Amino acid sequence: MRSDILSHRRELSATDLDIAARTVLAALLAGLRLPAGSTVAAYSPVATEPGGKLTRALSGAGHRVLLPVVLPDLDLDWAEYTGKQHLTAKGLSEPDGPTLGTDAVAQVDALVVPALAVDTDGVRLGKGGGCYDRALTRVGPGVPVVALLHDGEWPRMVPREPHDRPVTAVVTPSGGYVNLGTRTRPRSS
């Protein structure tokens, strides 16, 4: 399933990726409805991941943005995003500033996570390292956990493991922001 989704993403044109990124980011910001100054843990999308300039959009909306720093055991530490010039490329873009510890994610107002697919119950298919499943155990109750997806990646049947931690919302280009608590069905394409 992972290889099929990644293959499909590689077939998207630069124009399609740009349009999807802008649509997803607008829907994310509108759906989160967070006041300026809120702290959002996110990630810096790479290659064909949805969201494009996610960190810049969140930062531009006045939010404090935390980005993951992958530890040797594949757990996630967090560091503050202070601009594109302060990102290092280690497979993914990580802030070069001081880290805040693995528990920093427990204090966020929202968490935006990468995903390859999500089912109707919020179970997400990631890239297989379990990094985000570990981090999600630290997120406080009621904190929105949002997966950014391309069209056709939600809803999907995904394998469920005991360690999986569900997301509470998804954002797709054609479906917008969908709170999974409402069990809203996506629009047909």
Protein backbone atom coordinates (compact mmCIF):
# COMPACT_ATOMS: atom_id res chain seq x y z
CA MET A 1 0.00 0.00 0.00
CA ARG A 2 2.81 2.40 0.87
CA SER A 3 4.59 1.85 -2.43
CA ASP A 4 1.34 2.29 -4.41
CA ILE A 5 0.54 5.59 -2.71
CA LEU A 6 4.10 6.88 -3.07
CA SER A 7 4.09 5.88 -6.74
CA HIS A 8 0.83 7.75 -7.30
CA ARG A 9 2.25 10.83 -5.58
CA ARG A 10 5.31 10.76 -7.85
CA GLU A 11 2.98 10.90 -10.86
CA LEU A 12 1.45 14.22 -9.75
CA SER A 13 2.61 17.19 -11.81
CA ALA A 14 4.29 20.23 -10.27
CA THR A 15 1.13 22.22 -11.05
CA ASP A 16 -1.10 19.63 -9.37
CA LEU A 17 1.18 19.61 -6.29
CA ASP A 18 1.17 23.41 -6.09
CA ILE A 19 -2.62 23.68 -6.38
CA ALA A 20 -3.11 20.89 -3.81
CA ALA A 21 -0.65 22.51 -1.40
CA ARG A 22 -2.34 25.90 -1.53
CA THR A 23 -5.81 24.35 -1.14
CA VAL A 24 -4.75 22.10 1.74
CA LEU A 25 -2.99 24.92 3.62
CA ALA A 26 -5.96 27.28 3.30
CA ALA A 27 -8.32 24.55 4.56
CA LEU A 28 -5.97 23.65 7.41
CA LEU A 29 -5.70 27.22 8.69
CA ALA A 30 -9.46 27.75 8.42
CA GLY A 31 -10.24 24.40 10.05
CA LEU A 32 -7.88 24.74 13.00
CA ARG A 33 -9.26 28.16 13.99
CA LEU A 34 -6.38 28.81 16.38
CA PRO A 35 -5.64 32.28 17.71
CA ALA A 36 -2.32 33.86 16.77
CA GLY A 37 0.39 32.85 19.22
CA SER A 38 -0.81 29.25 19.45
CA THR A 39 1.84 26.52 19.32
CA VAL A 40 1.53 24.02 16.48
CA ALA A 41 3.79 21.00 16.09
CA ALA A 42 4.11 20.23 12.40
CA TYR A 43 6.62 18.96 9.88
CA SER A 44 8.36 20.33 6.84
CA PRO A 45 6.84 18.52 3.83
CA VAL A 46 9.32 17.00 1.40
CA ALA A 47 9.01 15.95 -2.24
CA THR A 48 5.37 15.09 -2.99
CA GLU A 49 4.02 15.29 0.56
CA PRO A 50 0.89 17.45 0.80
CA GLY A 51 1.20 20.85 2.38
CA GLY A 52 4.06 22.46 0.47
CA LYS A 53 5.06 25.48 2.53
CA LEU A 54 3.33 24.29 5.72
CA THR A 55 5.82 25.76 8.17
CA ARG A 56 5.82 29.15 6.47
CA ALA A 57 1.99 29.19 6.36
CA LEU A 58 1.67 28.39 10.07
CA SER A 59 4.39 30.85 11.01
CA GLY A 60 2.86 33.51 8.76
CA ALA A 61 -0.47 33.05 10.55
CA GLY A 62 1.29 34.05 13.77
CA HIS A 63 1.76 30.60 15.27
CA ARG A 64 4.80 29.27 17.08
CA VAL A 65 5.83 26.21 15.06
CA LEU A 66 7.69 23.20 16.44
CA LEU A 67 9.31 20.77 14.01
CA PRO A 68 10.49 17.23 14.72
CA VAL A 69 14.10 16.23 15.19
CA VAL A 70 14.46 12.48 14.68
CA LEU A 71 16.42 10.76 17.44
CA PRO A 72 18.57 7.63 16.87
CA ASP A 73 15.80 5.41 18.36
CA LEU A 74 13.29 7.02 15.92
CA ASP A 75 11.51 8.94 18.68
CA LEU A 76 10.86 12.63 18.01
CA ASP A 77 12.43 15.54 19.81
CA TRP A 78 11.14 19.02 18.91
CA ALA A 79 12.73 22.36 18.07
CA GLU A 80 11.26 25.73 17.19
CA TYR A 81 11.05 26.78 13.54
CA THR A 82 12.82 30.12 13.19
CA GLY A 83 12.95 30.37 9.40
CA LYS A 84 13.92 28.40 6.34
CA GLN A 85 17.54 29.48 6.67
CA HIS A 86 17.73 27.61 9.99
CA LEU A 87 16.70 24.21 8.61
CA THR A 88 19.16 21.41 7.95
CA ALA A 89 18.47 18.60 5.51
CA LYS A 90 18.87 15.17 7.12
CA GLY A 91 16.36 13.27 5.00
CA LEU A 92 13.82 15.75 6.31
CA SER A 93 14.23 19.38 7.25
CA GLU A 94 15.07 19.83 10.92
CA PRO A 95 15.66 23.08 12.83
CA ASP A 96 19.31 23.70 13.68
CA GLY A 97 18.45 25.38 17.02
CA PRO A 98 18.20 23.92 20.52
CA THR A 99 15.84 21.00 21.04
CA LEU A 100 13.01 21.14 23.55
CA GLY A 101 12.69 17.46 24.47
CA THR A 102 10.32 14.70 23.46
CA ASP A 103 7.65 15.98 25.86
CA ALA A 104 7.42 19.41 24.17
CA VAL A 105 4.62 18.00 22.02
CA ALA A 106 2.50 17.61 25.18
CA GLN A 107 2.16 21.41 25.34
CA VAL A 108 1.00 22.14 21.78
CA ASP A 109 -2.38 23.52 20.74
CA ALA A 110 -2.45 21.36 17.57
CA LEU A 111 -0.33 18.76 15.81
CA VAL A 112 -0.11 18.38 12.03
CA VAL A 113 1.24 14.98 10.97
CA PRO A 114 2.34 13.45 7.69
CA ALA A 115 0.42 10.42 6.44
CA LEU A 116 0.07 8.25 3.38
CA ALA A 117 -3.54 7.27 4.08
CA VAL A 118 -6.14 7.46 6.86
CA ASP A 119 -9.21 5.34 7.52
CA THR A 120 -12.61 6.58 8.71
CA ASP A 121 -11.63 5.96 12.35
CA GLY A 122 -8.52 8.12 12.05
CA VAL A 123 -5.99 5.29 11.88
CA ARG A 124 -3.15 6.64 9.78
CA LEU A 125 -0.65 4.88 7.60
CA GLY A 126 2.76 6.50 7.92
CA LYS A 127 6.07 5.56 6.40
CA GLY A 128 6.60 2.70 8.86
CA GLY A 129 9.08 4.01 11.42
CA GLY A 130 6.56 4.58 14.23
CA CYS A 131 7.96 8.03 15.04
CA TYR A 132 4.61 9.76 15.15
CA ASP A 133 2.83 6.94 16.98
CA ARG A 134 5.34 7.46 19.81
CA ALA A 135 4.86 11.23 19.75
CA LEU A 136 1.07 10.98 19.70
CA THR A 137 1.09 9.18 23.06
CA ARG A 138 2.30 12.48 24.58
CA VAL A 139 -0.34 14.77 23.03
CA GLY A 140 -2.92 16.11 25.44
CA PRO A 141 -6.62 15.22 25.29
CA GLY A 142 -8.69 17.40 23.00
CA VAL A 143 -5.67 18.57 20.97
CA PRO A 144 -6.42 18.39 17.24
CA VAL A 145 -4.16 15.93 15.41
CA VAL A 146 -4.50 16.59 11.69
CA ALA A 147 -3.20 14.54 8.75
CA LEU A 148 -2.57 16.23 5.40
CA LEU A 149 -3.42 14.02 2.43
CA HIS A 150 -3.84 14.11 -1.31
CA ASP A 151 -7.21 13.24 -2.82
CA GLY A 152 -7.83 9.49 -2.85
CA GLU A 153 -5.81 8.88 0.35
CA TRP A 154 -8.86 9.23 2.64
CA PRO A 155 -10.83 7.24 3.44
CA ARG A 156 -8.75 4.15 2.79
CA MET A 157 -8.66 0.81 4.50
CA VAL A 158 -5.35 0.75 6.36
CA PRO A 159 -3.82 -1.94 8.55
CA ARG A 160 -4.32 -1.34 12.25
CA GLU A 161 -1.66 -2.19 14.84
CA PRO A 162 -2.00 -2.01 18.65
CA HIS A 163 0.49 0.90 18.79
CA ASP A 164 -1.41 3.05 16.25
CA ARG A 165 -2.67 6.39 17.52
CA PRO A 166 -5.53 7.91 15.51
CA VAL A 167 -5.72 11.40 14.07
CA THR A 168 -8.75 13.58 14.78
CA ALA A 169 -9.01 15.32 11.40
CA VAL A 170 -7.85 15.07 7.81
CA VAL A 171 -7.35 17.70 5.12
CA THR A 172 -7.55 16.91 1.41
CA PRO A 173 -7.57 19.27 -1.57
CA SER A 174 -11.15 18.53 -2.64
CA GLY A 175 -12.64 17.62 0.76
CA GLY A 176 -11.09 20.37 2.87
CA TYR A 177 -10.80 20.04 6.63
CA VAL A 178 -12.81 17.10 7.98
CA ASN A 179 -13.19 16.55 11.70
CA LEU A 180 -13.31 12.77 12.05
CA GLY A 181 -15.41 13.04 15.18
CA THR A 182 -18.31 13.99 12.93
CA ARG A 183 -17.74 10.99 10.64
CA THR A 184 -18.32 13.25 7.65
CA ARG A 185 -17.94 11.50 4.31
CA PRO A 186 -15.65 13.06 1.73
CA ARG A 187 -17.14 14.68 -1.34
CA SER A 188 -17.16 12.50 -4.44
CA SER A 189 -14.70 13.50 -7.13
